Amino acid sequence: MVYDEILKGEERKIVSTRLYRPEFANFIKICESEGKSINAKLREMVRNEIGRKMGGVL
């Protein structure tokens, strides 16, 4: 993935949130249906949002 190469060795930050149980259950279903881990799906969603709002700055 392009981002992994650009950011290799860069400092990483932690992002967290609290979800209601039904929201988390639905998120888990999405992850399982796509065969992705929770972290992989969250990274994908954050990158997509940044790309959409900032035009792919990275």
N, C-alpha and C. Protein backbone atom coordinates (compact mmCIF):
# COMPACT_ATOMS: atom_id res chain seq x y z
N MET A 1 0.84 -1.17 0.00
CA MET A 1 0.00 0.00 0.00
C MET A 1 0.88 1.24 0.00
N VAL A 2 0.52 2.23 -0.72
CA VAL A 2 1.32 3.44 -0.86
C VAL A 2 1.57 4.10 0.48
N TYR A 3 0.54 4.22 1.32
CA TYR A 3 0.68 4.90 2.60
C TYR A 3 1.70 4.21 3.49
N ASP A 4 1.72 2.89 3.49
CA ASP A 4 2.65 2.15 4.33
C ASP A 4 4.09 2.47 3.96
N GLU A 5 4.36 2.64 2.68
CA GLU A 5 5.71 2.95 2.24
C GLU A 5 6.09 4.38 2.62
N ILE A 6 5.16 5.32 2.44
CA ILE A 6 5.44 6.71 2.75
C ILE A 6 5.67 6.90 4.25
N LEU A 7 4.88 6.24 5.05
CA LEU A 7 4.91 6.44 6.50
C LEU A 7 5.79 5.45 7.23
N LYS A 8 6.53 4.64 6.52
CA LYS A 8 7.36 3.62 7.16
C LYS A 8 8.34 4.28 8.13
N GLY A 9 8.31 3.85 9.37
CA GLY A 9 9.21 4.38 10.37
C GLY A 9 8.76 5.69 11.00
N GLU A 10 7.67 6.26 10.51
CA GLU A 10 7.18 7.51 11.06
C GLU A 10 6.51 7.26 12.41
N GLU A 11 6.40 8.31 13.18
CA GLU A 11 5.73 8.22 14.47
C GLU A 11 4.26 7.92 14.25
N ARG A 12 3.71 7.09 15.09
CA ARG A 12 2.30 6.72 14.99
C ARG A 12 1.54 7.30 16.17
N LYS A 13 0.31 7.62 15.95
CA LYS A 13 -0.57 8.14 17.00
C LYS A 13 -1.73 7.17 17.19
N ILE A 14 -2.29 7.16 18.37
CA ILE A 14 -3.42 6.29 18.68
C ILE A 14 -4.70 7.10 18.62
N VAL A 15 -5.71 6.52 17.98
CA VAL A 15 -7.03 7.13 17.89
C VAL A 15 -8.01 6.15 18.52
N SER A 16 -8.88 6.66 19.37
CA SER A 16 -9.86 5.77 19.99
C SER A 16 -11.21 6.48 20.11
N THR A 17 -12.24 5.69 20.29
CA THR A 17 -13.58 6.21 20.49
C THR A 17 -14.40 5.20 21.26
N ARG A 18 -15.52 5.63 21.74
CA ARG A 18 -16.45 4.72 22.41
C ARG A 18 -17.66 4.57 21.51
N LEU A 19 -18.07 3.34 21.32
CA LEU A 19 -19.24 3.04 20.50
C LEU A 19 -20.29 2.35 21.36
N TYR A 20 -21.53 2.59 21.00
CA TYR A 20 -22.60 1.83 21.65
C TYR A 20 -22.51 0.39 21.16
N ARG A 21 -22.99 -0.53 21.96
CA ARG A 21 -22.90 -1.95 21.66
C ARG A 21 -23.46 -2.30 20.26
N PRO A 22 -24.64 -1.77 19.86
CA PRO A 22 -25.16 -2.10 18.53
C PRO A 22 -24.27 -1.57 17.40
N GLU A 23 -23.68 -0.38 17.60
CA GLU A 23 -22.77 0.17 16.58
C GLU A 23 -21.54 -0.72 16.44
N PHE A 24 -21.00 -1.15 17.57
CA PHE A 24 -19.82 -2.01 17.53
C PHE A 24 -20.14 -3.35 16.89
N ALA A 25 -21.30 -3.90 17.21
CA ALA A 25 -21.70 -5.18 16.62
C ALA A 25 -21.81 -5.07 15.10
N ASN A 26 -22.39 -3.97 14.63
CA ASN A 26 -22.49 -3.76 13.18
C ASN A 26 -21.12 -3.56 12.55
N PHE A 27 -20.24 -2.86 13.25
CA PHE A 27 -18.88 -2.65 12.74
C PHE A 27 -18.14 -3.98 12.63
N ILE A 28 -18.28 -4.83 13.63
CA ILE A 28 -17.66 -6.16 13.59
C ILE A 28 -18.18 -6.96 12.41
N LYS A 29 -19.48 -6.89 12.15
CA LYS A 29 -20.07 -7.59 11.00
C LYS A 29 -19.45 -7.11 9.69
N ILE A 30 -19.26 -5.80 9.57
CA ILE A 30 -18.63 -5.25 8.36
C ILE A 30 -17.21 -5.79 8.22
N CYS A 31 -16.44 -5.76 9.30
CA CYS A 31 -15.06 -6.25 9.28
C CYS A 31 -15.01 -7.71 8.86
N GLU A 32 -15.87 -8.52 9.45
CA GLU A 32 -15.88 -9.95 9.14
C GLU A 32 -16.29 -10.20 7.70
N SER A 33 -17.27 -9.45 7.21
CA SER A 33 -17.74 -9.65 5.83
C SER A 33 -16.66 -9.29 4.81
N GLU A 34 -15.78 -8.34 5.18
CA GLU A 34 -14.70 -7.93 4.28
C GLU A 34 -13.40 -8.68 4.56
N GLY A 35 -13.40 -9.51 5.60
CA GLY A 35 -12.20 -10.28 5.93
C GLY A 35 -11.06 -9.41 6.44
N LYS A 36 -11.40 -8.34 7.15
CA LYS A 36 -10.38 -7.41 7.65
C LYS A 36 -10.43 -7.37 9.17
N SER A 37 -9.28 -7.07 9.75
CA SER A 37 -9.24 -6.90 11.20
C SER A 37 -9.87 -5.55 11.54
N ILE A 38 -10.18 -5.37 12.81
CA ILE A 38 -10.76 -4.10 13.25
C ILE A 38 -9.80 -2.96 12.95
N ASN A 39 -8.52 -3.15 13.27
CA ASN A 39 -7.53 -2.10 13.03
C ASN A 39 -7.37 -1.79 11.55
N ALA A 40 -7.33 -2.81 10.72
CA ALA A 40 -7.18 -2.59 9.28
C ALA A 40 -8.37 -1.81 8.73
N LYS A 41 -9.57 -2.16 9.16
CA LYS A 41 -10.77 -1.46 8.68
C LYS A 41 -10.79 -0.02 9.17
N LEU A 42 -10.42 0.21 10.42
CA LEU A 42 -10.37 1.58 10.94
C LEU A 42 -9.36 2.43 10.18
N ARG A 43 -8.17 1.87 9.92
CA ARG A 43 -7.16 2.61 9.15
C ARG A 43 -7.69 2.94 7.76
N GLU A 44 -8.35 1.98 7.13
CA GLU A 44 -8.92 2.20 5.80
C GLU A 44 -9.95 3.32 5.83
N MET A 45 -10.83 3.29 6.83
CA MET A 45 -11.88 4.30 6.93
C MET A 45 -11.29 5.70 7.17
N VAL A 46 -10.29 5.79 8.03
CA VAL A 46 -9.65 7.08 8.30
C VAL A 46 -8.96 7.59 7.05
N ARG A 47 -8.22 6.74 6.36
CA ARG A 47 -7.54 7.16 5.13
C ARG A 47 -8.53 7.60 4.06
N ASN A 48 -9.64 6.90 3.93
CA ASN A 48 -10.66 7.29 2.95
C ASN A 48 -11.25 8.65 3.29
N GLU A 49 -11.52 8.87 4.55
CA GLU A 49 -12.10 10.15 4.98
C GLU A 49 -11.12 11.29 4.76
N ILE A 50 -9.87 11.08 5.09
CA ILE A 50 -8.85 12.10 4.87
C ILE A 50 -8.71 12.38 3.38
N GLY A 51 -8.67 11.34 2.57
CA GLY A 51 -8.56 11.52 1.12
C GLY A 51 -9.74 12.26 0.54
N ARG A 52 -10.93 11.98 1.06
CA ARG A 52 -12.14 12.63 0.57
C ARG A 52 -12.17 14.11 0.94
N LYS A 53 -11.74 14.43 2.15
CA LYS A 53 -11.83 15.81 2.63
C LYS A 53 -10.61 16.66 2.32
N MET A 54 -9.46 16.01 2.16
CA MET A 54 -8.23 16.77 1.96
C MET A 54 -7.60 16.49 0.60
N GLY A 55 -8.25 15.71 -0.22
CA GLY A 55 -7.72 15.46 -1.56
C GLY A 55 -6.49 14.59 -1.60
N GLY A 56 -6.34 13.71 -0.65
CA GLY A 56 -5.21 12.79 -0.67
C GLY A 56 -3.89 13.48 -0.42
N VAL A 57 -3.78 14.25 0.65
CA VAL A 57 -2.57 14.99 0.98
C VAL A 57 -1.37 14.08 1.09
N LEU A 58 -1.56 12.88 1.64
CA LEU A 58 -0.43 11.94 1.79
C LEU A 58 -0.12 11.26 0.49
